[in-house]
Amino acid sequence: MPFPNVRLSNRPLHFIYLCDCSGSMAAQGKMQALNQAIRQSLPGMVEVAHQNPEARVLVRAVRFADHAAWHLAEATPVQQLQWRDLEAGGTTAMGEALELLADALRSPPMEERALPPVVVLISDGQPTDDFEAGLAKLMHQPWAQKAVRLAIALGHDANLEVLQQFIGSTAGGEDNSPRRPLQASNATTLAQYIQWASTAVVSAASMPASRITPTSQTQNSSDRAANGSNILLPDLPPTLMDPTDEDVGPLVW
């Protein structure tokens, strides 16, 4: 007897940006660089989604300045996403952004079958509201504990301590470990980190357990994502830390 023509459902993988849109992001082309980096990363993310049909990659984004709000309110399939540019102006309501994220990671609306979400926090400064309260509310959610939480610091004024608190503790990782805030000092490095998070990390998060190799399973636990997640973080891309060549893009931040 032939099997009915039933298409197996895939599992949602939520990829969420938390984007600092404070006034300082308008300086030295940082806001322009962030918009461009996200837009340029989308074709690669689409290709990763195509290569991993077991996962349905859905993208959302939060912007935060004087207040936090959804920039992409609906979880949008990456194949359908058209990025709308963010604009800078205001303070840094990072704690409020974490509260918005916490509400989104409740179950429901999060699906029980979902893969661990990937959340990327990008900031060039420090919170001007109650970051601790926002983080506490976020980490009360089991899906937040399971999530792959990454942070990208733009320039040298970003508060690395709060970004590290968002990621979680690291067990003796090296300075350039994904378990530490990634520091982007120019548009080129930012683009490389965004591309890495939206392709290599998404690919790892969408990989079924049956496709994880024995070698990967023996990697040090500090290379894994945040508490409760068994996602193996891929190696970081090589980056230009302090470019002097005029061809690499905007000035160092």
C-alpha atoms as a PDB file:
ATOM      1  CA  MET A   1       0.000   0.000   0.000  1.00  0.00           C
ATOM      2  CA  PRO A   2       1.583   3.331  -0.992  1.00  0.00           C
ATOM      3  CA  PHE A   3       2.159   5.976   1.654  1.00  0.00           C
ATOM      4  CA  PRO A   4      -0.107   9.012   1.435  1.00  0.00           C
ATOM      5  CA  ASN A   5       1.456  12.112  -0.061  1.00  0.00           C
ATOM      6  CA  VAL A   6       2.086  13.881   3.241  1.00  0.00           C
ATOM      7  CA  ARG A   7       4.759  16.556   3.572  1.00  0.00           C
ATOM      8  CA  LEU A   8       6.574  16.330   6.894  1.00  0.00           C
ATOM      9  CA  SER A   9       6.365  19.613   8.775  1.00  0.00           C
ATOM     10  CA  ASN A  10       9.602  21.409   9.593  1.00  0.00           C
ATOM     11  CA  ARG A  11      10.474  23.024  12.889  1.00  0.00           C
ATOM     12  CA  PRO A  12      10.544  26.815  13.356  1.00  0.00           C
ATOM     13  CA  LEU A  13      13.899  28.436  14.110  1.00  0.00           C
ATOM     14  CA  HIS A  14      13.476  32.004  15.339  1.00  0.00           C
ATOM     15  CA  PHE A  15      16.353  34.390  14.590  1.00  0.00           C
ATOM     16  CA  ILE A  16      15.932  37.661  16.494  1.00  0.00           C
ATOM     17  CA  TYR A  17      17.979  40.876  16.280  1.00  0.00           C
ATOM     18  CA  LEU A  18      18.073  43.301  19.225  1.00  0.00           C
ATOM     19  CA  CYS A  19      19.391  46.522  17.678  1.00  0.00           C
ATOM     20  CA  ASP A  20      20.681  49.571  19.547  1.00  0.00           C
ATOM     21  CA  CYS A  21      19.259  52.645  17.795  1.00  0.00           C
ATOM     22  CA  SER A  22      20.456  55.264  20.260  1.00  0.00           C
ATOM     23  CA  GLY A  23      21.772  58.603  19.058  1.00  0.00           C
ATOM     24  CA  SER A  24      25.405  57.488  19.179  1.00  0.00           C
ATOM     25  CA  MET A  25      24.645  54.952  16.445  1.00  0.00           C
ATOM     26  CA  ALA A  26      24.311  57.861  14.008  1.00  0.00           C
ATOM     27  CA  ALA A  27      28.001  58.718  14.433  1.00  0.00           C
ATOM     28  CA  GLN A  28      30.732  57.426  12.107  1.00  0.00           C
ATOM     29  CA  GLY A  29      28.289  55.533   9.923  1.00  0.00           C
ATOM     30  CA  LYS A  30      27.475  52.843  12.497  1.00  0.00           C
ATOM     31  CA  MET A  31      23.735  52.766  11.782  1.00  0.00           C
ATOM     32  CA  GLN A  32      24.329  52.687   8.045  1.00  0.00           C
ATOM     33  CA  ALA A  33      26.862  49.889   8.488  1.00  0.00           C
ATOM     34  CA  LEU A  34      24.427  47.827  10.579  1.00  0.00           C
ATOM     35  CA  ASN A  35      21.601  48.183   8.056  1.00  0.00           C
ATOM     36  CA  GLN A  36      23.922  47.261   5.226  1.00  0.00           C
ATOM     37  CA  ALA A  37      25.401  44.281   7.079  1.00  0.00           C
ATOM     38  CA  ILE A  38      21.975  42.817   7.859  1.00  0.00           C
ATOM     39  CA  ARG A  39      20.717  43.379   4.326  1.00  0.00           C
ATOM     40  CA  GLN A  40      23.808  41.773   2.791  1.00  0.00           C
ATOM     41  CA  SER A  41      23.531  38.755   5.087  1.00  0.00           C
ATOM     42  CA  LEU A  42      20.030  37.789   3.950  1.00  0.00           C
ATOM     43  CA  PRO A  43      20.959  35.863   0.760  1.00  0.00           C
ATOM     44  CA  GLY A  44      23.321  33.701   2.803  1.00  0.00           C
ATOM     45  CA  MET A  45      20.632  33.015   5.385  1.00  0.00           C
ATOM     46  CA  VAL A  46      18.190  32.092   2.614  1.00  0.00           C
ATOM     47  CA  GLU A  47      20.741  29.602   1.273  1.00  0.00           C
ATOM     48  CA  VAL A  48      21.221  28.084   4.727  1.00  0.00           C
ATOM     49  CA  ALA A  49      17.447  27.698   5.071  1.00  0.00           C
ATOM     50  CA  HIS A  50      17.350  25.989   1.680  1.00  0.00           C
ATOM     51  CA  GLN A  51      20.111  23.593   2.721  1.00  0.00           C
ATOM     52  CA  ASN A  52      18.341  22.729   5.989  1.00  0.00           C
ATOM     53  CA  PRO A  53      14.739  21.886   5.070  1.00  0.00           C
ATOM     54  CA  GLU A  54      14.157  20.451   8.545  1.00  0.00           C
ATOM     55  CA  ALA A  55      14.076  24.038   9.859  1.00  0.00           C
ATOM     56  CA  ARG A  56      11.835  26.982   8.980  1.00  0.00           C
ATOM     57  CA  VAL A  57      13.965  30.090   9.545  1.00  0.00           C
ATOM     58  CA  LEU A  58      11.898  33.020  10.831  1.00  0.00           C
ATOM     59  CA  VAL A  59      13.338  36.493  11.437  1.00  0.00           C
ATOM     60  CA  ARG A  60      12.227  39.214  13.864  1.00  0.00           C
ATOM     61  CA  ALA A  61      13.911  42.386  15.114  1.00  0.00           C
ATOM     62  CA  VAL A  62      13.612  44.739  18.091  1.00  0.00           C
ATOM     63  CA  ARG A  63      14.905  48.307  18.004  1.00  0.00           C
ATOM     64  CA  PHE A  64      15.640  50.210  21.191  1.00  0.00           C
ATOM     65  CA  ALA A  65      16.382  53.876  21.817  1.00  0.00           C
ATOM     66  CA  ASP A  66      14.256  56.007  24.190  1.00  0.00           C
ATOM     67  CA  HIS A  67      11.917  53.018  24.208  1.00  0.00           C
ATOM     68  CA  ALA A  68      11.975  49.522  22.745  1.00  0.00           C
ATOM     69  CA  ALA A  69       9.635  48.410  19.975  1.00  0.00           C
ATOM     70  CA  TRP A  70       9.367  45.671  17.409  1.00  0.00           C
ATOM     71  CA  HIS A  71      10.994  46.643  14.121  1.00  0.00           C
ATOM     72  CA  LEU A  72       9.881  43.350  12.571  1.00  0.00           C
ATOM     73  CA  ALA A  73       6.861  42.386  14.653  1.00  0.00           C
ATOM     74  CA  GLU A  74       5.894  39.266  12.728  1.00  0.00           C
ATOM     75  CA  ALA A  75       8.104  36.192  12.561  1.00  0.00           C
ATOM     76  CA  THR A  76       8.878  36.424   8.838  1.00  0.00           C
ATOM     77  CA  PRO A  77      10.254  33.554   6.725  1.00  0.00           C
ATOM     78  CA  VAL A  78      13.712  34.678   5.680  1.00  0.00           C
ATOM     79  CA  GLN A  79      12.865  34.016   2.015  1.00  0.00           C
ATOM     80  CA  GLN A  80      10.182  36.732   2.226  1.00  0.00           C
ATOM     81  CA  LEU A  81      12.085  39.278   4.298  1.00  0.00           C
ATOM     82  CA  GLN A  82      12.750  42.779   3.008  1.00  0.00           C
ATOM     83  CA  TRP A  83      14.827  44.687   5.540  1.00  0.00           C
ATOM     84  CA  ARG A  84      13.624  48.199   6.425  1.00  0.00           C
ATOM     85  CA  ASP A  85      16.419  50.512   7.528  1.00  0.00           C
ATOM     86  CA  LEU A  86      16.751  51.357  11.199  1.00  0.00           C
ATOM     87  CA  GLU A  87      17.203  55.004  12.241  1.00  0.00           C
ATOM     88  CA  ALA A  88      19.225  56.320  15.175  1.00  0.00           C
ATOM     89  CA  GLY A  89      18.184  58.796  17.865  1.00  0.00           C
ATOM     90  CA  GLY A  90      17.597  58.750  21.604  1.00  0.00           C
ATOM     91  CA  THR A  91      18.892  56.856  24.614  1.00  0.00           C
ATOM     92  CA  THR A  92      19.476  53.118  25.161  1.00  0.00           C
ATOM     93  CA  ALA A  93      16.451  51.269  26.569  1.00  0.00           C
ATOM     94  CA  MET A  94      18.149  47.858  26.480  1.00  0.00           C
ATOM     95  CA  GLY A  95      16.295  46.542  29.534  1.00  0.00           C
ATOM     96  CA  GLU A  96      12.948  47.278  27.880  1.00  0.00           C
ATOM     97  CA  ALA A  97      14.147  45.458  24.768  1.00  0.00           C
ATOM     98  CA  LEU A  98      14.892  42.358  26.856  1.00  0.00           C
ATOM     99  CA  GLU A  99      11.391  42.546  28.341  1.00  0.00           C
ATOM    100  CA  LEU A 100       9.883  42.594  24.836  1.00  0.00           C
ATOM    101  CA  LEU A 101      12.010  39.592  23.942  1.00  0.00           C
ATOM    102  CA  ALA A 102      10.905  37.775  27.093  1.00  0.00           C
ATOM    103  CA  ASP A 103       7.247  38.178  26.101  1.00  0.00           C
ATOM    104  CA  ALA A 104       8.016  36.782  22.642  1.00  0.00           C
ATOM    105  CA  LEU A 105       9.801  33.749  24.083  1.00  0.00           C
ATOM    106  CA  ARG A 106       6.917  32.662  26.271  1.00  0.00           C
ATOM    107  CA  SER A 107       5.256  29.350  25.416  1.00  0.00           C
ATOM    108  CA  PRO A 108       2.894  30.219  23.770  1.00  0.00           C
ATOM    109  CA  PRO A 109       3.512  32.112  21.481  1.00  0.00           C
ATOM    110  CA  MET A 110       6.687  30.026  21.075  1.00  0.00           C
ATOM    111  CA  GLU A 111       5.891  26.662  19.558  1.00  0.00           C
ATOM    112  CA  GLU A 112       6.717  23.526  21.558  1.00  0.00           C
ATOM    113  CA  ARG A 113       8.402  22.018  18.476  1.00  0.00           C
ATOM    114  CA  ALA A 114      10.643  25.017  17.864  1.00  0.00           C
ATOM    115  CA  LEU A 115      14.402  24.737  17.597  1.00  0.00           C
ATOM    116  CA  PRO A 116      16.501  26.805  20.035  1.00  0.00           C
ATOM    117  CA  PRO A 117      16.182  30.462  18.994  1.00  0.00           C
ATOM    118  CA  VAL A 118      19.205  32.516  17.936  1.00  0.00           C
ATOM    119  CA  VAL A 119      19.274  36.015  19.462  1.00  0.00           C
ATOM    120  CA  VAL A 120      21.855  38.650  18.479  1.00  0.00           C
ATOM    121  CA  LEU A 121      22.189  41.765  20.647  1.00  0.00           C
ATOM    122  CA  ILE A 122      24.043  44.661  18.952  1.00  0.00           C
ATOM    123  CA  SER A 123      25.013  47.791  20.884  1.00  0.00           C
ATOM    124  CA  ASP A 124      27.563  50.607  20.883  1.00  0.00           C
ATOM    125  CA  GLY A 125      26.899  51.935  24.395  1.00  0.00           C
ATOM    126  CA  GLN A 126      25.387  51.088  27.749  1.00  0.00           C
ATOM    127  CA  PRO A 127      21.809  50.763  29.012  1.00  0.00           C
ATOM    128  CA  THR A 128      20.054  53.889  30.248  1.00  0.00           C
ATOM    129  CA  ASP A 129      17.176  51.954  31.856  1.00  0.00           C
ATOM    130  CA  ASP A 130      16.870  48.962  34.214  1.00  0.00           C
ATOM    131  CA  PHE A 131      18.904  46.360  32.357  1.00  0.00           C
ATOM    132  CA  GLU A 132      19.009  43.987  35.352  1.00  0.00           C
ATOM    133  CA  ALA A 133      15.213  43.823  35.592  1.00  0.00           C
ATOM    134  CA  GLY A 134      14.879  43.200  31.861  1.00  0.00           C
ATOM    135  CA  LEU A 135      17.479  40.449  31.937  1.00  0.00           C
ATOM    136  CA  ALA A 136      15.857  38.796  34.952  1.00  0.00           C
ATOM    137  CA  LYS A 137      12.485  38.719  33.187  1.00  0.00           C
ATOM    138  CA  LEU A 138      14.094  37.323  30.054  1.00  0.00           C
ATOM    139  CA  MET A 139      16.009  34.558  31.800  1.00  0.00           C
ATOM    140  CA  HIS A 140      12.856  33.453  33.609  1.00  0.00           C
ATOM    141  CA  GLN A 141      11.714  32.041  30.269  1.00  0.00           C
ATOM    142  CA  PRO A 142      12.927  28.499  29.472  1.00  0.00           C
ATOM    143  CA  TRP A 143      13.217  29.387  25.782  1.00  0.00           C
ATOM    144  CA  ALA A 144      15.617  32.209  26.658  1.00  0.00           C
ATOM    145  CA  GLN A 145      17.767  29.761  28.598  1.00  0.00           C
ATOM    146  CA  LYS A 146      17.825  27.415  25.606  1.00  0.00           C
ATOM    147  CA  ALA A 147      18.549  30.177  23.106  1.00  0.00           C
ATOM    148  CA  VAL A 148      21.859  30.803  21.375  1.00  0.00           C
ATOM    149  CA  ARG A 149      22.562  34.272  22.788  1.00  0.00           C
ATOM    150  CA  LEU A 150      25.218  36.333  20.991  1.00  0.00           C
ATOM    151  CA  ALA A 151      26.336  39.941  21.442  1.00  0.00           C
ATOM    152  CA  ILE A 152      28.214  42.293  19.131  1.00  0.00           C
ATOM    153  CA  ALA A 153      29.835  45.412  20.610  1.00  0.00           C
ATOM    154  CA  LEU A 154      30.284  48.286  18.165  1.00  0.00           C
ATOM    155  CA  GLY A 155      33.367  50.334  18.931  1.00  0.00           C
ATOM    156  CA  HIS A 156      35.121  50.731  22.274  1.00  0.00           C
ATOM    157  CA  ASP A 157      32.335  52.419  24.263  1.00  0.00           C
ATOM    158  CA  ALA A 158      29.966  49.446  24.433  1.00  0.00           C
ATOM    159  CA  ASN A 159      29.384  48.077  27.927  1.00  0.00           C
ATOM    160  CA  LEU A 160      31.006  44.650  27.663  1.00  0.00           C
ATOM    161  CA  GLU A 161      29.897  43.690  31.156  1.00  0.00           C
ATOM    162  CA  VAL A 162      26.182  43.895  30.375  1.00  0.00           C
ATOM    163  CA  LEU A 163      26.692  42.192  27.019  1.00  0.00           C
ATOM    164  CA  GLN A 164      28.482  39.353  28.828  1.00  0.00           C
ATOM    165  CA  GLN A 165      25.590  39.093  31.290  1.00  0.00           C
ATOM    166  CA  PHE A 166      23.216  38.749  28.335  1.00  0.00           C
ATOM    167  CA  ILE A 167      25.316  35.959  26.809  1.00  0.00           C
ATOM    168  CA  GLY A 168      25.922  34.155  30.082  1.00  0.00           C
ATOM    169  CA  SER A 169      29.043  33.051  31.888  1.00  0.00           C
ATOM    170  CA  THR A 170      31.979  31.634  30.007  1.00  0.00           C
ATOM    171  CA  ALA A 171      34.201  28.848  31.315  1.00  0.00           C
ATOM    172  CA  GLY A 172      37.742  29.962  30.535  1.00  0.00           C
ATOM    173  CA  GLY A 173      37.038  30.802  26.901  1.00  0.00           C
ATOM    174  CA  GLU A 174      39.531  32.782  24.857  1.00  0.00           C
ATOM    175  CA  ASP A 175      39.066  36.484  24.203  1.00  0.00           C
ATOM    176  CA  ASN A 176      37.620  35.876  20.742  1.00  0.00           C
ATOM    177  CA  SER A 177      35.259  33.089  21.842  1.00  0.00           C
ATOM    178  CA  PRO A 178      31.623  33.392  20.704  1.00  0.00           C
ATOM    179  CA  ARG A 179      30.829  33.050  24.424  1.00  0.00           C
ATOM    180  CA  ARG A 180      32.214  36.563  24.874  1.00  0.00           C
ATOM    181  CA  PRO A 181      30.955  39.790  23.280  1.00  0.00           C
ATOM    182  CA  LEU A 182      32.301  40.094  19.757  1.00  0.00           C
ATOM    183  CA  GLN A 183      33.950  43.485  19.250  1.00  0.00           C
ATOM    184  CA  ALA A 184      33.492  45.101  15.844  1.00  0.00           C
ATOM    185  CA  SER A 185      35.640  48.193  15.396  1.00  0.00           C
ATOM    186  CA  ASN A 186      34.700  48.851  11.767  1.00  0.00           C
ATOM    187  CA  ALA A 187      32.032  48.101   9.162  1.00  0.00           C
ATOM    188  CA  THR A 188      33.995  45.209   7.658  1.00  0.00           C
ATOM    189  CA  THR A 189      34.244  43.300  10.941  1.00  0.00           C
ATOM    190  CA  LEU A 190      30.595  44.005  11.759  1.00  0.00           C
ATOM    191  CA  ALA A 191      29.524  42.567   8.406  1.00  0.00           C
ATOM    192  CA  GLN A 192      31.636  39.445   8.996  1.00  0.00           C
ATOM    193  CA  TYR A 193      30.107  38.853  12.430  1.00  0.00           C
ATOM    194  CA  ILE A 194      26.551  39.413  11.158  1.00  0.00           C
ATOM    195  CA  GLN A 195      27.204  37.030   8.268  1.00  0.00           C
ATOM    196  CA  TRP A 196      28.629  34.424  10.662  1.00  0.00           C
ATOM    197  CA  ALA A 197      25.655  34.643  13.037  1.00  0.00           C
ATOM    198  CA  SER A 198      23.044  34.529  10.275  1.00  0.00           C
ATOM    199  CA  THR A 199      24.603  31.638   8.350  1.00  0.00           C
ATOM    200  CA  ALA A 200      27.067  29.469  10.295  1.00  0.00           C
ATOM    201  CA  VAL A 201      25.216  29.751  13.616  1.00  0.00           C
ATOM    202  CA  VAL A 202      21.784  29.328  11.993  1.00  0.00           C
ATOM    203  CA  SER A 203      23.078  26.249  10.177  1.00  0.00           C
ATOM    204  CA  ALA A 204      24.335  24.786  13.460  1.00  0.00           C
ATOM    205  CA  ALA A 205      21.061  25.559  15.249  1.00  0.00           C
ATOM    206  CA  SER A 206      19.007  23.910  12.501  1.00  0.00           C
ATOM    207  CA  MET A 207      21.108  20.739  12.425  1.00  0.00           C
ATOM    208  CA  PRO A 208      19.296  17.633  13.718  1.00  0.00           C
ATOM    209  CA  ALA A 209      21.064  15.709  16.460  1.00  0.00           C
ATOM    210  CA  SER A 210      21.503  12.782  14.059  1.00  0.00           C
ATOM    211  CA  ARG A 211      23.809  14.942  11.887  1.00  0.00           C
ATOM    212  CA  ILE A 212      26.176  15.985  14.680  1.00  0.00           C
ATOM    213  CA  THR A 213      29.428  14.109  14.233  1.00  0.00           C
ATOM    214  CA  PRO A 214      31.110  12.213  17.096  1.00  0.00           C
ATOM    215  CA  THR A 215      34.021  14.672  16.872  1.00  0.00           C
ATOM    216  CA  SER A 216      31.656  17.587  17.343  1.00  0.00           C
ATOM    217  CA  GLN A 217      30.036  15.883  20.325  1.00  0.00           C
ATOM    218  CA  THR A 218      33.356  15.821  22.149  1.00  0.00           C
ATOM    219  CA  GLN A 219      34.022  19.552  21.838  1.00  0.00           C
ATOM    220  CA  ASN A 220      34.592  21.474  25.053  1.00  0.00           C
ATOM    221  CA  SER A 221      31.355  22.557  26.681  1.00  0.00           C
ATOM    222  CA  SER A 222      32.512  26.208  26.620  1.00  0.00           C
ATOM    223  CA  ASP A 223      32.075  26.104  22.834  1.00  0.00           C
ATOM    224  CA  ARG A 224      28.388  25.369  23.280  1.00  0.00           C
ATOM    225  CA  ALA A 225      25.655  27.970  23.449  1.00  0.00           C
ATOM    226  CA  ALA A 226      23.863  29.228  26.541  1.00  0.00           C
ATOM    227  CA  ASN A 227      22.431  27.119  29.355  1.00  0.00           C
ATOM    228  CA  GLY A 228      20.166  24.301  28.224  1.00  0.00           C
ATOM    229  CA  SER A 229      21.229  24.406  24.569  1.00  0.00           C
ATOM    230  CA  ASN A 230      23.293  21.709  22.905  1.00  0.00           C
ATOM    231  CA  ILE A 231      24.099  23.818  19.852  1.00  0.00           C
ATOM    232  CA  LEU A 232      27.769  23.622  18.901  1.00  0.00           C
ATOM    233  CA  LEU A 233      28.928  27.108  17.978  1.00  0.00           C
ATOM    234  CA  PRO A 234      31.027  27.204  14.794  1.00  0.00           C
ATOM    235  CA  ASP A 235      34.419  28.873  14.646  1.00  0.00           C
ATOM    236  CA  LEU A 236      34.449  32.629  14.282  1.00  0.00           C
ATOM    237  CA  PRO A 237      35.460  34.136  10.942  1.00  0.00           C
ATOM    238  CA  PRO A 238      38.831  35.843  10.564  1.00  0.00           C
ATOM    239  CA  THR A 239      38.401  39.591  10.959  1.00  0.00           C
ATOM    240  CA  LEU A 240      40.279  42.810  10.324  1.00  0.00           C
ATOM    241  CA  MET A 241      40.673  44.240  13.799  1.00  0.00           C
ATOM    242  CA  ASP A 242      42.234  47.616  12.978  1.00  0.00           C
ATOM    243  CA  PRO A 243      42.233  48.176   9.223  1.00  0.00           C
ATOM    244  CA  THR A 244      44.456  50.864   7.758  1.00  0.00           C
ATOM    245  CA  ASP A 245      43.672  50.197   4.116  1.00  0.00           C
ATOM    246  CA  GLU A 246      41.280  52.793   2.704  1.00  0.00           C
ATOM    247  CA  ASP A 247      39.528  50.080   0.717  1.00  0.00           C
ATOM    248  CA  VAL A 248      38.109  48.225   3.720  1.00  0.00           C
ATOM    249  CA  GLY A 249      35.300  50.642   4.478  1.00  0.00           C
ATOM    250  CA  PRO A 250      34.391  53.365   7.022  1.00  0.00           C
ATOM    251  CA  LEU A 251      36.742  54.656   9.693  1.00  0.00           C
ATOM    252  CA  VAL A 252      37.482  52.666  12.823  1.00  0.00           C
ATOM    253  CA  TRP A 253      34.780  53.363  15.417  1.00  0.00           C
END
